[in-house]
Amino acid sequence: MYQVFLIIFLLIAIFLVSLIMIQHGNGADTGASFSSSASINLVGSSNFSNFISRMTAIVSIFFFTLSLILGILTTNHKQKDSQWNHLDQDSKAPQQEKNNSIS
């Protein structure tokens, strides 16, 4: 389950970066107004820009939610591992104390 969340997290991160790179920057029109050539928009209409910005907001919410879930799962995963790894050490400690008290 943890590995599935990690793969989904990676795919969402790549998709979020690509959405951010597609967006039209605010300063792009300023530089184009001072030059003699016309500005060519990669995105096109403003409706598409609104769609891209809304998609970026939605994907970023998924990204942050999934990162919180992965953080919680990682914390719980480490606690479970440490309990099972130290099980042998805890069972040996009382035996050593009994041996020391007998002699």
PDB file of N, CA and C in Angstrom:
ATOM      1  N   MET A   1       0.824  -1.196   0.000  1.00  0.00           N
ATOM      2  CA  MET A   1       0.000   0.000   0.000  1.00  0.00           C
ATOM      3  C   MET A   1       0.869   1.261   0.000  1.00  0.00           C
ATOM      4  N   TYR A   2       1.949   1.196   0.794  1.00  0.00           N
ATOM      5  CA  TYR A   2       2.852   2.338   0.881  1.00  0.00           C
ATOM      6  C   TYR A   2       3.516   2.613  -0.463  1.00  0.00           C
ATOM      7  N   GLN A   3       3.910   1.555  -1.174  1.00  0.00           N
ATOM      8  CA  GLN A   3       4.569   1.718  -2.472  1.00  0.00           C
ATOM      9  C   GLN A   3       3.606   2.292  -3.502  1.00  0.00           C
ATOM     10  N   VAL A   4       2.334   1.931  -3.419  1.00  0.00           N
ATOM     11  CA  VAL A   4       1.325   2.473  -4.339  1.00  0.00           C
ATOM     12  C   VAL A   4       1.182   3.971  -4.125  1.00  0.00           C
ATOM     13  N   PHE A   5       1.140   4.398  -2.853  1.00  0.00           N
ATOM     14  CA  PHE A   5       1.062   5.828  -2.563  1.00  0.00           C
ATOM     15  C   PHE A   5       2.298   6.565  -3.064  1.00  0.00           C
ATOM     16  N   LEU A   6       3.465   5.957  -2.952  1.00  0.00           N
ATOM     17  CA  LEU A   6       4.689   6.593  -3.445  1.00  0.00           C
ATOM     18  C   LEU A   6       4.672   6.769  -4.962  1.00  0.00           C
ATOM     19  N   ILE A   7       4.171   5.763  -5.674  1.00  0.00           N
ATOM     20  CA  ILE A   7       4.094   5.863  -7.136  1.00  0.00           C
ATOM     21  C   ILE A   7       3.092   6.937  -7.544  1.00  0.00           C
ATOM     22  N   ILE A   8       1.933   6.976  -6.887  1.00  0.00           N
ATOM     23  CA  ILE A   8       0.932   8.006  -7.177  1.00  0.00           C
ATOM     24  C   ILE A   8       1.496   9.385  -6.860  1.00  0.00           C
ATOM     25  N   PHE A   9       2.234   9.498  -5.750  1.00  0.00           N
ATOM     26  CA  PHE A   9       2.851  10.761  -5.357  1.00  0.00           C
ATOM     27  C   PHE A   9       3.834  11.246  -6.417  1.00  0.00           C
ATOM     28  N   LEU A  10       4.626  10.337  -6.953  1.00  0.00           N
ATOM     29  CA  LEU A  10       5.586  10.694  -7.995  1.00  0.00           C
ATOM     30  C   LEU A  10       4.875  11.152  -9.268  1.00  0.00           C
ATOM     31  N   LEU A  11       3.828  10.452  -9.665  1.00  0.00           N
ATOM     32  CA  LEU A  11       3.087  10.838 -10.873  1.00  0.00           C
ATOM     33  C   LEU A  11       2.406  12.190 -10.704  1.00  0.00           C
ATOM     34  N   ILE A  12       1.830  12.444  -9.532  1.00  0.00           N
ATOM     35  CA  ILE A  12       1.192  13.733  -9.282  1.00  0.00           C
ATOM     36  C   ILE A  12       2.237  14.844  -9.286  1.00  0.00           C
ATOM     37  N   ALA A  13       3.417  14.583  -8.724  1.00  0.00           N
ATOM     38  CA  ALA A  13       4.468  15.606  -8.708  1.00  0.00           C
ATOM     39  C   ALA A  13       4.920  15.959 -10.119  1.00  0.00           C
ATOM     40  N   ILE A  14       5.087  14.954 -10.966  1.00  0.00           N
ATOM     41  CA  ILE A  14       5.481  15.212 -12.358  1.00  0.00           C
ATOM     42  C   ILE A  14       4.382  15.982 -13.091  1.00  0.00           C
ATOM     43  N   PHE A  15       3.136  15.594 -12.880  1.00  0.00           N
ATOM     44  CA  PHE A  15       2.014  16.277 -13.530  1.00  0.00           C
ATOM     45  C   PHE A  15       1.895  17.716 -13.044  1.00  0.00           C
ATOM     46  N   LEU A  16       2.130  17.952 -11.755  1.00  0.00           N
ATOM     47  CA  LEU A  16       2.057  19.307 -11.203  1.00  0.00           C
ATOM     48  C   LEU A  16       3.150  20.201 -11.781  1.00  0.00           C
ATOM     49  N   VAL A  17       4.346  19.674 -11.900  1.00  0.00           N
ATOM     50  CA  VAL A  17       5.441  20.455 -12.493  1.00  0.00           C
ATOM     51  C   VAL A  17       5.136  20.783 -13.946  1.00  0.00           C
ATOM     52  N   SER A  18       4.572  19.829 -14.682  1.00  0.00           N
ATOM     53  CA  SER A  18       4.244  20.094 -16.090  1.00  0.00           C
ATOM     54  C   SER A  18       3.132  21.132 -16.213  1.00  0.00           C
ATOM     55  N   LEU A  19       2.156  21.111 -15.309  1.00  0.00           N
ATOM     56  CA  LEU A  19       1.104  22.129 -15.344  1.00  0.00           C
ATOM     57  C   LEU A  19       1.666  23.514 -15.050  1.00  0.00           C
ATOM     58  N   ILE A  20       2.583  23.596 -14.122  1.00  0.00           N
ATOM     59  CA  ILE A  20       3.183  24.891 -13.789  1.00  0.00           C
ATOM     60  C   ILE A  20       4.019  25.411 -14.950  1.00  0.00           C
ATOM     61  N   MET A  21       4.722  24.512 -15.641  1.00  0.00           N
ATOM     62  CA  MET A  21       5.545  24.949 -16.764  1.00  0.00           C
ATOM     63  C   MET A  21       4.713  25.406 -17.966  1.00  0.00           C
ATOM     64  N   ILE A  22       3.514  24.888 -18.122  1.00  0.00           N
ATOM     65  CA  ILE A  22       2.654  25.269 -19.249  1.00  0.00           C
ATOM     66  C   ILE A  22       2.071  26.666 -19.069  1.00  0.00           C
ATOM     67  N   GLN A  23       1.882  27.103 -17.827  1.00  0.00           N
ATOM     68  CA  GLN A  23       1.185  28.362 -17.568  1.00  0.00           C
ATOM     69  C   GLN A  23       1.916  29.560 -18.147  1.00  0.00           C
ATOM     70  N   HIS A  24       1.131  30.532 -18.505  1.00  0.00           N
ATOM     71  CA  HIS A  24       1.627  31.781 -19.083  1.00  0.00           C
ATOM     72  C   HIS A  24       2.008  32.717 -17.943  1.00  0.00           C
ATOM     73  N   GLY A  25       3.234  33.197 -17.929  1.00  0.00           N
ATOM     74  CA  GLY A  25       3.697  34.065 -16.852  1.00  0.00           C
ATOM     75  C   GLY A  25       3.142  35.471 -16.944  1.00  0.00           C
ATOM     76  N   ASN A  26       3.114  36.173 -15.810  1.00  0.00           N
ATOM     77  CA  ASN A  26       2.602  37.546 -15.786  1.00  0.00           C
ATOM     78  C   ASN A  26       3.532  38.525 -16.482  1.00  0.00           C
ATOM     79  N   GLY A  27       4.823  38.294 -16.432  1.00  0.00           N
ATOM     80  CA  GLY A  27       5.771  39.215 -17.029  1.00  0.00           C
ATOM     81  C   GLY A  27       6.003  39.007 -18.513  1.00  0.00           C
ATOM     82  N   ALA A  28       5.380  38.020 -19.115  1.00  0.00           N
ATOM     83  CA  ALA A  28       5.612  37.739 -20.530  1.00  0.00           C
ATOM     84  C   ALA A  28       5.035  38.829 -21.427  1.00  0.00           C
ATOM     85  N   ASP A  29       3.915  39.402 -21.052  1.00  0.00           N
ATOM     86  CA  ASP A  29       3.312  40.465 -21.865  1.00  0.00           C
ATOM     87  C   ASP A  29       4.093  41.766 -21.777  1.00  0.00           C
ATOM     88  N   THR A  30       4.732  42.026 -20.677  1.00  0.00           N
ATOM     89  CA  THR A  30       5.498  43.254 -20.507  1.00  0.00           C
ATOM     90  C   THR A  30       6.683  43.292 -21.466  1.00  0.00           C
ATOM     91  N   GLY A  31       7.396  42.211 -21.580  1.00  0.00           N
ATOM     92  CA  GLY A  31       8.533  42.154 -22.494  1.00  0.00           C
ATOM     93  C   GLY A  31       8.101  42.216 -23.940  1.00  0.00           C
ATOM     94  N   ALA A  32       6.964  41.654 -24.259  1.00  0.00           N
ATOM     95  CA  ALA A  32       6.488  41.651 -25.634  1.00  0.00           C
ATOM     96  C   ALA A  32       5.979  43.021 -26.064  1.00  0.00           C
ATOM     97  N   SER A  33       5.518  43.834 -25.141  1.00  0.00           N
ATOM     98  CA  SER A  33       4.984  45.149 -25.517  1.00  0.00           C
ATOM     99  C   SER A  33       6.096  46.111 -25.923  1.00  0.00           C
ATOM    100  N   PHE A  34       7.308  45.922 -25.466  1.00  0.00           N
ATOM    101  CA  PHE A  34       8.414  46.800 -25.821  1.00  0.00           C
ATOM    102  C   PHE A  34       9.119  46.381 -27.105  1.00  0.00           C
ATOM    103  N   SER A  35       8.863  45.170 -27.564  1.00  0.00           N
ATOM    104  CA  SER A  35       9.511  44.744 -28.798  1.00  0.00           C
ATOM    105  C   SER A  35       8.621  45.056 -29.994  1.00  0.00           C
ATOM    106  N   SER A  36       9.208  45.017 -31.187  1.00  0.00           N
ATOM    107  CA  SER A  36       8.444  45.353 -32.387  1.00  0.00           C
ATOM    108  C   SER A  36       7.605  44.180 -32.880  1.00  0.00           C
ATOM    109  N   SER A  37       7.967  42.966 -32.472  1.00  0.00           N
ATOM    110  CA  SER A  37       7.193  41.815 -32.940  1.00  0.00           C
ATOM    111  C   SER A  37       6.033  41.536 -32.008  1.00  0.00           C
ATOM    112  N   ALA A  38       5.059  40.875 -32.538  1.00  0.00           N
ATOM    113  CA  ALA A  38       3.865  40.545 -31.758  1.00  0.00           C
ATOM    114  C   ALA A  38       4.156  39.353 -30.855  1.00  0.00           C
ATOM    115  N   SER A  39       3.464  39.331 -29.759  1.00  0.00           N
ATOM    116  CA  SER A  39       3.628  38.234 -28.813  1.00  0.00           C
ATOM    117  C   SER A  39       2.825  37.019 -29.280  1.00  0.00           C
ATOM    118  N   ILE A  40       3.465  35.878 -29.277  1.00  0.00           N
ATOM    119  CA  ILE A  40       2.784  34.643 -29.658  1.00  0.00           C
ATOM    120  C   ILE A  40       2.500  33.867 -28.384  1.00  0.00           C
ATOM    121  N   ASN A  41       1.220  33.629 -28.137  1.00  0.00           N
ATOM    122  CA  ASN A  41       0.847  32.891 -26.932  1.00  0.00           C
ATOM    123  C   ASN A  41       0.878  31.405 -27.214  1.00  0.00           C
ATOM    124  N   LEU A  42       1.549  30.686 -26.346  1.00  0.00           N
ATOM    125  CA  LEU A  42       1.571  29.234 -26.457  1.00  0.00           C
ATOM    126  C   LEU A  42       0.244  28.644 -26.011  1.00  0.00           C
ATOM    127  N   VAL A  43      -0.344  29.248 -24.998  1.00  0.00           N
ATOM    128  CA  VAL A  43      -1.570  28.719 -24.418  1.00  0.00           C
ATOM    129  C   VAL A  43      -2.779  29.100 -25.265  1.00  0.00           C
ATOM    130  N   GLY A  44      -2.873  30.311 -25.690  1.00  0.00           N
ATOM    131  CA  GLY A  44      -4.003  30.703 -26.527  1.00  0.00           C
ATOM    132  C   GLY A  44      -5.010  31.529 -25.766  1.00  0.00           C
ATOM    133  N   SER A  45      -6.217  31.035 -25.618  1.00  0.00           N
ATOM    134  CA  SER A  45      -7.304  31.816 -25.033  1.00  0.00           C
ATOM    135  C   SER A  45      -7.200  31.877 -23.513  1.00  0.00           C
ATOM    136  N   SER A  46      -7.944  32.829 -22.958  1.00  0.00           N
ATOM    137  CA  SER A  46      -7.927  33.001 -21.507  1.00  0.00           C
ATOM    138  C   SER A  46      -8.727  31.908 -20.805  1.00  0.00           C
ATOM    139  N   ASN A  47      -9.703  31.302 -21.495  1.00  0.00           N
ATOM    140  CA  ASN A  47     -10.461  30.215 -20.887  1.00  0.00           C
ATOM    141  C   ASN A  47      -9.561  29.024 -20.594  1.00  0.00           C
ATOM    142  N   PHE A  48      -8.643  28.752 -21.502  1.00  0.00           N
ATOM    143  CA  PHE A  48      -7.705  27.666 -21.288  1.00  0.00           C
ATOM    144  C   PHE A  48      -6.761  27.987 -20.139  1.00  0.00           C
ATOM    145  N   SER A  49      -6.382  29.246 -19.995  1.00  0.00           N
ATOM    146  CA  SER A  49      -5.519  29.655 -18.882  1.00  0.00           C
ATOM    147  C   SER A  49      -6.238  29.482 -17.552  1.00  0.00           C
ATOM    148  N   ASN A  50      -7.515  29.827 -17.516  1.00  0.00           N
ATOM    149  CA  ASN A  50      -8.283  29.624 -16.287  1.00  0.00           C
ATOM    150  C   ASN A  50      -8.398  28.142 -15.957  1.00  0.00           C
ATOM    151  N   PHE A  51      -8.586  27.322 -16.983  1.00  0.00           N
ATOM    152  CA  PHE A  51      -8.672  25.879 -16.769  1.00  0.00           C
ATOM    153  C   PHE A  51      -7.363  25.326 -16.210  1.00  0.00           C
ATOM    154  N   ILE A  52      -6.242  25.783 -16.779  1.00  0.00           N
ATOM    155  CA  ILE A  52      -4.932  25.312 -16.328  1.00  0.00           C
ATOM    156  C   ILE A  52      -4.672  25.746 -14.888  1.00  0.00           C
ATOM    157  N   SER A  53      -5.029  26.987 -14.539  1.00  0.00           N
ATOM    158  CA  SER A  53      -4.794  27.454 -13.167  1.00  0.00           C
ATOM    159  C   SER A  53      -5.681  26.714 -12.169  1.00  0.00           C
ATOM    160  N   ARG A  54      -6.904  26.388 -12.550  1.00  0.00           N
ATOM    161  CA  ARG A  54      -7.770  25.606 -11.660  1.00  0.00           C
ATOM    162  C   ARG A  54      -7.260  24.179 -11.513  1.00  0.00           C
ATOM    163  N   MET A  55      -6.798  23.605 -12.612  1.00  0.00           N
ATOM    164  CA  MET A  55      -6.238  22.251 -12.538  1.00  0.00           C
ATOM    165  C   MET A  55      -4.990  22.226 -11.658  1.00  0.00           C
ATOM    166  N   THR A  56      -4.185  23.272 -11.729  1.00  0.00           N
ATOM    167  CA  THR A  56      -2.994  23.361 -10.896  1.00  0.00           C
ATOM    168  C   THR A  56      -3.377  23.415  -9.422  1.00  0.00           C
ATOM    169  N   ALA A  57      -4.410  24.172  -9.101  1.00  0.00           N
ATOM    170  CA  ALA A  57      -4.869  24.255  -7.710  1.00  0.00           C
ATOM    171  C   ALA A  57      -5.384  22.908  -7.214  1.00  0.00           C
ATOM    172  N   ILE A  58      -6.147  22.213  -8.037  1.00  0.00           N
ATOM    173  CA  ILE A  58      -6.701  20.915  -7.640  1.00  0.00           C
ATOM    174  C   ILE A  58      -5.594  19.880  -7.473  1.00  0.00           C
ATOM    175  N   VAL A  59      -4.662  19.835  -8.409  1.00  0.00           N
ATOM    176  CA  VAL A  59      -3.570  18.863  -8.338  1.00  0.00           C
ATOM    177  C   VAL A  59      -2.655  19.180  -7.150  1.00  0.00           C
ATOM    178  N   SER A  60      -2.456  20.448  -6.847  1.00  0.00           N
ATOM    179  CA  SER A  60      -1.620  20.798  -5.692  1.00  0.00           C
ATOM    180  C   SER A  60      -2.283  20.387  -4.381  1.00  0.00           C
ATOM    181  N   ILE A  61      -3.610  20.464  -4.304  1.00  0.00           N
ATOM    182  CA  ILE A  61      -4.316  19.986  -3.112  1.00  0.00           C
ATOM    183  C   ILE A  61      -4.112  18.482  -2.950  1.00  0.00           C
ATOM    184  N   PHE A  62      -4.221  17.727  -4.042  1.00  0.00           N
ATOM    185  CA  PHE A  62      -3.956  16.288  -3.995  1.00  0.00           C
ATOM    186  C   PHE A  62      -2.509  16.011  -3.584  1.00  0.00           C
ATOM    187  N   PHE A  63      -1.584  16.810  -4.104  1.00  0.00           N
ATOM    188  CA  PHE A  63      -0.169  16.632  -3.798  1.00  0.00           C
ATOM    189  C   PHE A  63       0.105  16.806  -2.306  1.00  0.00           C
ATOM    190  N   PHE A  64      -0.412  17.888  -1.721  1.00  0.00           N
ATOM    191  CA  PHE A  64      -0.166  18.142  -0.308  1.00  0.00           C
ATOM    192  C   PHE A  64      -0.899  17.151   0.589  1.00  0.00           C
ATOM    193  N   THR A  65      -2.099  16.753   0.197  1.00  0.00           N
ATOM    194  CA  THR A  65      -2.835  15.750   0.973  1.00  0.00           C
ATOM    195  C   THR A  65      -2.102  14.416   0.962  1.00  0.00           C
ATOM    196  N   LEU A  66      -1.638  14.018  -0.193  1.00  0.00           N
ATOM    197  CA  LEU A  66      -0.915  12.757  -0.298  1.00  0.00           C
ATOM    198  C   LEU A  66       0.419  12.814   0.443  1.00  0.00           C
ATOM    199  N   SER A  67       1.066  13.970   0.456  1.00  0.00           N
ATOM    200  CA  SER A  67       2.315  14.085   1.204  1.00  0.00           C
ATOM    201  C   SER A  67       2.068  13.973   2.708  1.00  0.00           C
ATOM    202  N   LEU A  68       0.948  14.503   3.202  1.00  0.00           N
ATOM    203  CA  LEU A  68       0.616  14.326   4.614  1.00  0.00           C
ATOM    204  C   LEU A  68       0.315  12.871   4.936  1.00  0.00           C
ATOM    205  N   ILE A  69      -0.413  12.204   4.059  1.00  0.00           N
ATOM    206  CA  ILE A  69      -0.719  10.784   4.263  1.00  0.00           C
ATOM    207  C   ILE A  69       0.562   9.959   4.269  1.00  0.00           C
ATOM    208  N   LEU A  70       1.462  10.237   3.342  1.00  0.00           N
ATOM    209  CA  LEU A  70       2.735   9.506   3.306  1.00  0.00           C
ATOM    210  C   LEU A  70       3.581   9.778   4.551  1.00  0.00           C
ATOM    211  N   GLY A  71       3.524  10.999   5.062  1.00  0.00           N
ATOM    212  CA  GLY A  71       4.250  11.313   6.290  1.00  0.00           C
ATOM    213  C   GLY A  71       3.712  10.531   7.475  1.00  0.00           C
ATOM    214  N   ILE A  72       2.401  10.428   7.571  1.00  0.00           N
ATOM    215  CA  ILE A  72       1.783   9.667   8.652  1.00  0.00           C
ATOM    216  C   ILE A  72       2.101   8.186   8.518  1.00  0.00           C
ATOM    217  N   LEU A  73       2.007   7.657   7.300  1.00  0.00           N
ATOM    218  CA  LEU A  73       2.319   6.250   7.085  1.00  0.00           C
ATOM    219  C   LEU A  73       3.789   5.943   7.370  1.00  0.00           C
ATOM    220  N   THR A  74       4.675   6.864   7.024  1.00  0.00           N
ATOM    221  CA  THR A  74       6.097   6.663   7.281  1.00  0.00           C
ATOM    222  C   THR A  74       6.374   6.637   8.778  1.00  0.00           C
ATOM    223  N   THR A  75       5.736   7.514   9.531  1.00  0.00           N
ATOM    224  CA  THR A  75       5.916   7.540  10.981  1.00  0.00           C
ATOM    225  C   THR A  75       5.415   6.248  11.606  1.00  0.00           C
ATOM    226  N   ASN A  76       4.237   5.797  11.211  1.00  0.00           N
ATOM    227  CA  ASN A  76       3.697   4.553  11.747  1.00  0.00           C
ATOM    228  C   ASN A  76       4.519   3.355  11.303  1.00  0.00           C
ATOM    229  N   HIS A  77       5.028   3.380  10.095  1.00  0.00           N
ATOM    230  CA  HIS A  77       5.831   2.277   9.566  1.00  0.00           C
ATOM    231  C   HIS A  77       7.128   2.129  10.349  1.00  0.00           C
ATOM    232  N   LYS A  78       7.762   3.239  10.685  1.00  0.00           N
ATOM    233  CA  LYS A  78       9.012   3.193  11.441  1.00  0.00           C
ATOM    234  C   LYS A  78       8.768   2.701  12.857  1.00  0.00           C
ATOM    235  N   GLN A  79       7.650   3.083  13.476  1.00  0.00           N
ATOM    236  CA  GLN A  79       7.353   2.625  14.829  1.00  0.00           C
ATOM    237  C   GLN A  79       7.113   1.126  14.849  1.00  0.00           C
ATOM    238  N   LYS A  80       6.409   0.600  13.865  1.00  0.00           N
ATOM    239  CA  LYS A  80       6.146  -0.832  13.816  1.00  0.00           C
ATOM    240  C   LYS A  80       7.437  -1.608  13.602  1.00  0.00           C
ATOM    241  N   ASP A  81       8.301  -1.102  12.730  1.00  0.00           N
ATOM    242  CA  ASP A  81       9.568  -1.780  12.481  1.00  0.00           C
ATOM    243  C   ASP A  81      10.437  -1.802  13.728  1.00  0.00           C
ATOM    244  N   SER A  82      10.487  -0.696  14.441  1.00  0.00           N
ATOM    245  CA  SER A  82      11.362  -0.638  15.607  1.00  0.00           C
ATOM    246  C   SER A  82      10.847  -1.559  16.711  1.00  0.00           C
ATOM    247  N   GLN A  83       9.545  -1.722  16.850  1.00  0.00           N
ATOM    248  CA  GLN A  83       9.004  -2.623  17.863  1.00  0.00           C
ATOM    249  C   GLN A  83       9.385  -4.064  17.545  1.00  0.00           C
ATOM    250  N   TRP A  84       9.293  -4.458  16.300  1.00  0.00           N
ATOM    251  CA  TRP A  84       9.611  -5.839  15.931  1.00  0.00           C
ATOM    252  C   TRP A  84      11.107  -6.092  15.919  1.00  0.00           C
ATOM    253  N   ASN A  85      11.902  -5.111  15.590  1.00  0.00           N
ATOM    254  CA  ASN A  85      13.347  -5.303  15.549  1.00  0.00           C
ATOM    255  C   ASN A  85      13.948  -5.454  16.949  1.00  0.00           C
ATOM    256  N   HIS A  86      13.363  -4.802  17.941  1.00  0.00           N
ATOM    257  CA  HIS A  86      13.901  -4.843  19.286  1.00  0.00           C
ATOM    258  C   HIS A  86      13.247  -5.928  20.143  1.00  0.00           C
ATOM    259  N   LEU A  87      12.450  -6.773  19.567  1.00  0.00           N
ATOM    260  CA  LEU A  87      11.766  -7.817  20.306  1.00  0.00           C
ATOM    261  C   LEU A  87      12.757  -8.825  20.867  1.00  0.00           C
ATOM    262  N   ASP A  88      13.755  -9.201  20.085  1.00  0.00           N
ATOM    263  CA  ASP A  88      14.773 -10.143  20.546  1.00  0.00           C
ATOM    264  C   ASP A  88      15.607  -9.556  21.677  1.00  0.00           C
ATOM    265  N   GLN A  89      15.959  -8.311  21.576  1.00  0.00           N
ATOM    266  CA  GLN A  89      16.797  -7.677  22.586  1.00  0.00           C
ATOM    267  C   GLN A  89      16.055  -7.562  23.913  1.00  0.00           C
ATOM    268  N   ASP A  90      14.751  -7.282  23.880  1.00  0.00           N
ATOM    269  CA  ASP A  90      13.972  -7.164  25.096  1.00  0.00           C
ATOM    270  C   ASP A  90      13.815  -8.507  25.797  1.00  0.00           C
ATOM    271  N   SER A  91      13.702  -9.585  25.041  1.00  0.00           N
ATOM    272  CA  SER A  91      13.538 -10.899  25.658  1.00  0.00           C
ATOM    273  C   SER A  91      14.845 -11.418  26.238  1.00  0.00           C
ATOM    274  N   LYS A  92      15.989 -10.986  25.726  1.00  0.00           N
ATOM    275  CA  LYS A  92      17.284 -11.447  26.239  1.00  0.00           C
ATOM    276  C   LYS A  92      17.686 -10.701  27.511  1.00  0.00           C
ATOM    277  N   ALA A  93      17.245  -9.474  27.658  1.00  0.00           N
ATOM    278  CA  ALA A  93      17.650  -8.665  28.807  1.00  0.00           C
ATOM    279  C   ALA A  93      17.203  -9.264  30.136  1.00  0.00           C
ATOM    280  N   PRO A  94      15.975  -9.738  30.328  1.00  0.00           N
ATOM    281  CA  PRO A  94      15.601 -10.321  31.623  1.00  0.00           C
ATOM    282  C   PRO A  94      16.373 -11.602  31.922  1.00  0.00           C
ATOM    283  N   GLN A  95      16.722 -12.374  30.920  1.00  0.00           N
ATOM    284  CA  GLN A  95      17.475 -13.605  31.150  1.00  0.00           C
ATOM    285  C   GLN A  95      18.867 -13.287  31.672  1.00  0.00           C
ATOM    286  N   GLN A  96      19.489 -12.265  31.191  1.00  0.00           N
ATOM    287  CA  GLN A  96      20.811 -11.885  31.657  1.00  0.00           C
ATOM    288  C   GLN A  96      20.759 -11.409  33.106  1.00  0.00           C
ATOM    289  N   GLU A  97      19.688 -10.698  33.455  1.00  0.00           N
ATOM    290  CA  GLU A  97      19.551 -10.229  34.836  1.00  0.00           C
ATOM    291  C   GLU A  97      19.319 -11.413  35.773  1.00  0.00           C
ATOM    292  N   LYS A  98      18.552 -12.418  35.338  1.00  0.00           N
ATOM    293  CA  LYS A  98      18.325 -13.603  36.169  1.00  0.00           C
ATOM    294  C   LYS A  98      19.629 -14.360  36.377  1.00  0.00           C
ATOM    295  N   ASN A  99      20.427 -14.481  35.331  1.00  0.00           N
ATOM    296  CA  ASN A  99      21.715 -15.167  35.446  1.00  0.00           C
ATOM    297  C   ASN A  99      22.657 -14.428  36.386  1.00  0.00           C
ATOM    298  N   ASN A 100      22.640 -13.116  36.369  1.00  0.00           N
ATOM    299  CA  ASN A 100      23.493 -12.323  37.253  1.00  0.00           C
ATOM    300  C   ASN A 100      23.047 -12.431  38.717  1.00  0.00           C
ATOM    301  N   SER A 101      21.761 -12.533  38.964  1.00  0.00           N
ATOM    302  CA  SER A 101      21.267 -12.608  40.324  1.00  0.00           C
ATOM    303  C   SER A 101      21.479 -13.983  40.929  1.00  0.00           C
ATOM    304  N   ILE A 102      21.553 -15.031  40.136  1.00  0.00           N
ATOM    305  CA  ILE A 102      21.766 -16.388  40.620  1.00  0.00           C
ATOM    306  C   ILE A 102      23.204 -16.573  41.063  1.00  0.00           C
ATOM    307  N   SER A 103      24.146 -16.044  40.360  1.00  0.00           N
ATOM    308  CA  SER A 103      25.549 -16.267  40.682  1.00  0.00           C
ATOM    309  C   SER A 103      26.077 -15.327  41.711  1.00  0.00           C
TER     310      SER A 103
END
